[in-house]
Amino acid sequence: MTLLPLLLAGYLLGSIPFAIVSSRLFGLADPRKYGSGNPGATNVLRSGNKSAALMTLVGDCAKGWLAVWAAQRMGFEPTIAALAGLAAFLGHVFSVFLRFNGGKGVATALGVLAGISGWIALTALLVWLAVAFTTRYSSAAALAAAVATPIAGYLILGPTPTITVLLLIAGILIWRHSANIRKLLDGTESKIGSRKKA
């Protein structure tokens, strides 16, 4: 009975759309109406407002980390804490405040990983940075990090049930980037830093 409220709280926390919040605070257009249409930090950056993009990034990361950290502080075992993080990740992707639409979950996933293991989060971040720096495609970087995450998790944590959570997060991330994969293949994907007036 304690697990259900924990997961619900994680989901509601993850549902907070920081891209929308930051855009309103900085007087920007709704990020769902320009660029990729994704309510996430990369798309907010296309508005040209780096402060709003940074606020979105930090907020989305923080809610993923907070869900795991809070569960740990409450004394839940690592797998349950990871499930709380998964709930927050799902809240971001299927936000109740956005009629069960949401972002792609990259920043929130990073926050969840940081709560589970700093080493896994660091590995995912380094992979993201390496691919983003060489290709300037945020989506390609996210896909590479998604693939690397469960592998790094297995090497760092061993064969624990938490790996299943990492696989679920990676699978959803890849699925959420299906349109980006098509754009990457046909050469129409937008690069990091490309601006759309907002």
Protein backbone atom coordinates (compact mmCIF):
# COMPACT_ATOMS: atom_id res chain seq x y z
CA MET A 1 0.00 0.00 0.00
CA THR A 2 2.94 2.34 0.58
CA LEU A 3 4.32 1.66 -2.90
CA LEU A 4 1.31 3.04 -4.78
CA PRO A 5 1.40 6.51 -3.13
CA LEU A 6 5.15 6.62 -3.73
CA LEU A 7 4.76 5.89 -7.43
CA LEU A 8 1.86 8.34 -7.74
CA ALA A 9 3.90 11.07 -6.05
CA GLY A 10 6.81 10.33 -8.38
CA TYR A 11 4.52 10.51 -11.39
CA LEU A 12 2.99 13.83 -10.34
CA LEU A 13 6.43 15.28 -9.64
CA GLY A 14 7.63 14.18 -13.05
CA SER A 15 4.54 15.67 -14.69
CA ILE A 16 5.59 19.24 -13.85
CA PRO A 17 6.36 20.73 -17.30
CA PHE A 18 9.37 22.92 -16.61
CA ALA A 19 9.64 23.85 -20.30
CA ILE A 20 6.20 25.46 -20.09
CA VAL A 21 6.91 27.03 -16.70
CA SER A 22 10.23 28.55 -17.74
CA SER A 23 8.85 29.79 -21.06
CA ARG A 24 6.03 31.63 -19.30
CA LEU A 25 8.40 33.13 -16.74
CA PHE A 26 10.65 34.46 -19.49
CA GLY A 27 7.76 35.63 -21.70
CA LEU A 28 8.40 33.09 -24.46
CA ALA A 29 5.98 31.25 -26.70
CA ASP A 30 4.76 27.80 -25.75
CA PRO A 31 7.60 25.46 -26.81
CA ARG A 32 5.02 23.04 -28.20
CA LYS A 33 4.27 25.60 -30.92
CA TYR A 34 7.71 26.01 -32.49
CA GLY A 35 10.80 24.02 -33.40
CA SER A 36 10.33 20.32 -32.74
CA GLY A 37 7.25 20.98 -30.64
CA ASN A 38 8.84 19.12 -27.78
CA PRO A 39 8.50 20.67 -24.29
CA GLY A 40 12.13 20.13 -23.36
CA ALA A 41 15.35 22.07 -22.83
CA THR A 42 16.73 21.57 -26.35
CA ASN A 43 13.62 23.01 -27.95
CA VAL A 44 13.43 25.90 -25.48
CA LEU A 45 17.03 26.67 -26.48
CA ARG A 46 15.76 27.20 -30.02
CA SER A 47 13.96 30.28 -28.73
CA GLY A 48 17.39 31.83 -28.24
CA ASN A 49 16.87 32.25 -24.49
CA LYS A 50 19.64 30.28 -22.80
CA SER A 51 18.41 31.11 -19.29
CA ALA A 52 15.01 29.59 -19.98
CA ALA A 53 16.64 26.52 -21.52
CA LEU A 54 18.93 26.13 -18.49
CA MET A 55 16.01 26.44 -16.09
CA THR A 56 14.17 23.76 -18.05
CA LEU A 57 17.20 21.46 -18.03
CA VAL A 58 17.82 21.85 -14.30
CA GLY A 59 14.15 21.47 -13.40
CA ASP A 60 13.67 18.36 -15.51
CA CYS A 61 16.84 16.76 -14.14
CA ALA A 62 15.99 17.68 -10.57
CA LYS A 63 12.55 16.08 -10.56
CA GLY A 64 13.98 12.75 -11.72
CA TRP A 65 16.70 12.85 -9.09
CA LEU A 66 14.34 13.99 -6.33
CA ALA A 67 11.95 11.09 -6.90
CA VAL A 68 14.76 8.55 -6.39
CA TRP A 69 16.38 10.45 -3.51
CA ALA A 70 13.11 10.83 -1.62
CA ALA A 71 12.37 7.11 -1.91
CA GLN A 72 15.86 6.31 -0.66
CA ARG A 73 15.46 8.67 2.28
CA MET A 74 12.18 6.96 3.15
CA GLY A 75 14.06 3.68 3.45
CA PHE A 76 12.95 1.94 0.29
CA GLU A 77 15.28 -0.60 -1.29
CA PRO A 78 17.23 0.46 -4.42
CA THR A 79 14.87 -1.21 -6.89
CA ILE A 80 11.82 0.51 -5.40
CA ALA A 81 13.66 3.83 -5.42
CA ALA A 82 14.48 3.22 -9.09
CA LEU A 83 10.78 2.55 -9.74
CA ALA A 84 9.95 5.90 -8.16
CA GLY A 85 12.37 7.44 -10.64
CA LEU A 86 10.72 5.53 -13.48
CA ALA A 87 7.37 6.94 -12.35
CA ALA A 88 8.80 10.47 -12.52
CA PHE A 89 10.22 9.75 -15.97
CA LEU A 90 6.81 8.50 -17.15
CA GLY A 91 5.23 11.60 -15.65
CA HIS A 92 7.46 13.77 -17.80
CA VAL A 93 6.75 11.77 -20.95
CA PHE A 94 3.00 11.43 -20.25
CA SER A 95 2.30 14.53 -18.16
CA VAL A 96 -1.14 14.70 -16.59
CA PHE A 97 -0.84 18.49 -16.79
CA LEU A 98 -0.37 18.33 -20.58
CA ARG A 99 -3.20 15.89 -21.26
CA PHE A 100 -0.80 12.96 -21.05
CA ASN A 101 1.60 14.40 -23.58
CA GLY A 102 5.06 15.56 -22.63
CA GLY A 103 8.73 15.73 -23.43
CA LYS A 104 11.03 12.98 -24.59
CA GLY A 105 12.51 12.52 -21.14
CA VAL A 106 16.25 12.86 -21.68
CA ALA A 107 16.96 15.33 -18.86
CA THR A 108 14.57 13.61 -16.46
CA ALA A 109 16.17 10.26 -17.25
CA LEU A 110 19.58 11.75 -16.44
CA GLY A 111 18.24 12.91 -13.08
CA VAL A 112 16.88 9.44 -12.36
CA LEU A 113 20.26 7.92 -13.23
CA ALA A 114 22.00 10.38 -10.92
CA GLY A 115 19.75 9.23 -8.10
CA ILE A 116 20.42 5.56 -8.81
CA SER A 117 24.17 5.84 -9.41
CA GLY A 118 26.36 8.84 -10.09
CA TRP A 119 28.68 6.67 -12.18
CA ILE A 120 25.87 5.54 -14.48
CA ALA A 121 24.70 9.13 -14.86
CA LEU A 122 28.25 10.29 -15.60
CA THR A 123 28.66 7.59 -18.25
CA ALA A 124 25.39 8.57 -19.94
CA LEU A 125 26.31 12.26 -19.79
CA LEU A 126 29.76 11.67 -21.28
CA VAL A 127 28.29 9.62 -24.12
CA TRP A 128 25.70 12.35 -24.75
CA LEU A 129 28.35 15.08 -24.76
CA ALA A 130 30.69 13.14 -27.04
CA VAL A 131 28.00 12.45 -29.65
CA ALA A 132 26.46 15.92 -29.36
CA PHE A 133 29.86 17.58 -29.78
CA THR A 134 30.79 15.54 -32.85
CA THR A 135 27.41 15.54 -34.60
CA ARG A 136 25.55 18.54 -33.10
CA TYR A 137 22.42 16.39 -33.05
CA SER A 138 20.75 16.26 -29.65
CA SER A 139 18.60 13.32 -30.74
CA ALA A 140 21.59 11.24 -31.86
CA ALA A 141 23.29 11.98 -28.55
CA ALA A 142 20.18 10.94 -26.63
CA LEU A 143 19.88 7.69 -28.57
CA ALA A 144 23.53 6.83 -27.96
CA ALA A 145 23.19 7.59 -24.25
CA ALA A 146 20.03 5.47 -24.06
CA VAL A 147 21.84 2.48 -25.54
CA ALA A 148 24.84 2.97 -23.25
CA THR A 149 22.83 3.33 -20.04
CA PRO A 150 21.71 -0.28 -19.37
CA ILE A 151 25.14 -1.55 -20.43
CA ALA A 152 26.83 0.80 -17.98
CA GLY A 153 24.25 -0.14 -15.36
CA TYR A 154 25.02 -3.83 -15.70
CA LEU A 155 28.76 -3.24 -15.51
CA ILE A 156 28.46 -0.97 -12.46
CA LEU A 157 25.59 -2.55 -10.51
CA GLY A 158 25.71 -6.13 -11.71
CA PRO A 159 22.62 -8.26 -12.51
CA THR A 160 20.14 -6.50 -10.23
CA PRO A 161 16.41 -5.82 -10.85
CA THR A 162 17.31 -2.14 -11.28
CA ILE A 163 18.71 -3.03 -14.72
CA THR A 164 15.13 -3.75 -15.81
CA VAL A 165 14.20 -0.18 -14.89
CA LEU A 166 17.16 1.12 -16.91
CA LEU A 167 16.10 -1.00 -19.89
CA LEU A 168 12.56 0.38 -19.69
CA ILE A 169 13.82 3.96 -19.59
CA ALA A 170 16.18 3.32 -22.52
CA GLY A 171 13.43 1.65 -24.54
CA ILE A 172 10.98 4.49 -23.99
CA LEU A 173 13.64 7.07 -24.86
CA ILE A 174 14.36 5.33 -28.14
CA TRP A 175 10.65 5.02 -28.90
CA ARG A 176 10.08 8.70 -28.15
CA HIS A 177 12.82 9.55 -30.64
CA SER A 178 11.35 7.48 -33.48
CA ALA A 179 10.47 10.61 -35.48
CA ASN A 180 13.98 11.95 -34.91
CA ILE A 181 15.46 8.69 -36.16
CA ARG A 182 13.56 9.12 -39.42
CA LYS A 183 14.76 12.72 -39.71
CA LEU A 184 18.35 11.70 -39.01
CA LEU A 185 18.14 9.10 -41.76
CA ASP A 186 16.75 11.52 -44.34
CA GLY A 187 18.97 14.43 -43.27
CA THR A 188 16.27 16.81 -42.07
CA GLU A 189 16.96 16.73 -38.32
CA SER A 190 17.64 20.12 -36.69
CA LYS A 191 21.02 20.64 -35.08
CA ILE A 192 21.71 21.98 -31.60
CA GLY A 193 21.59 25.78 -31.55
CA SER A 194 19.37 26.16 -34.62
CA ARG A 195 16.87 28.88 -33.77
CA LYS A 196 13.15 29.12 -34.26
CA LYS A 197 11.58 32.45 -33.35
CA ALA A 198 9.62 32.24 -30.10
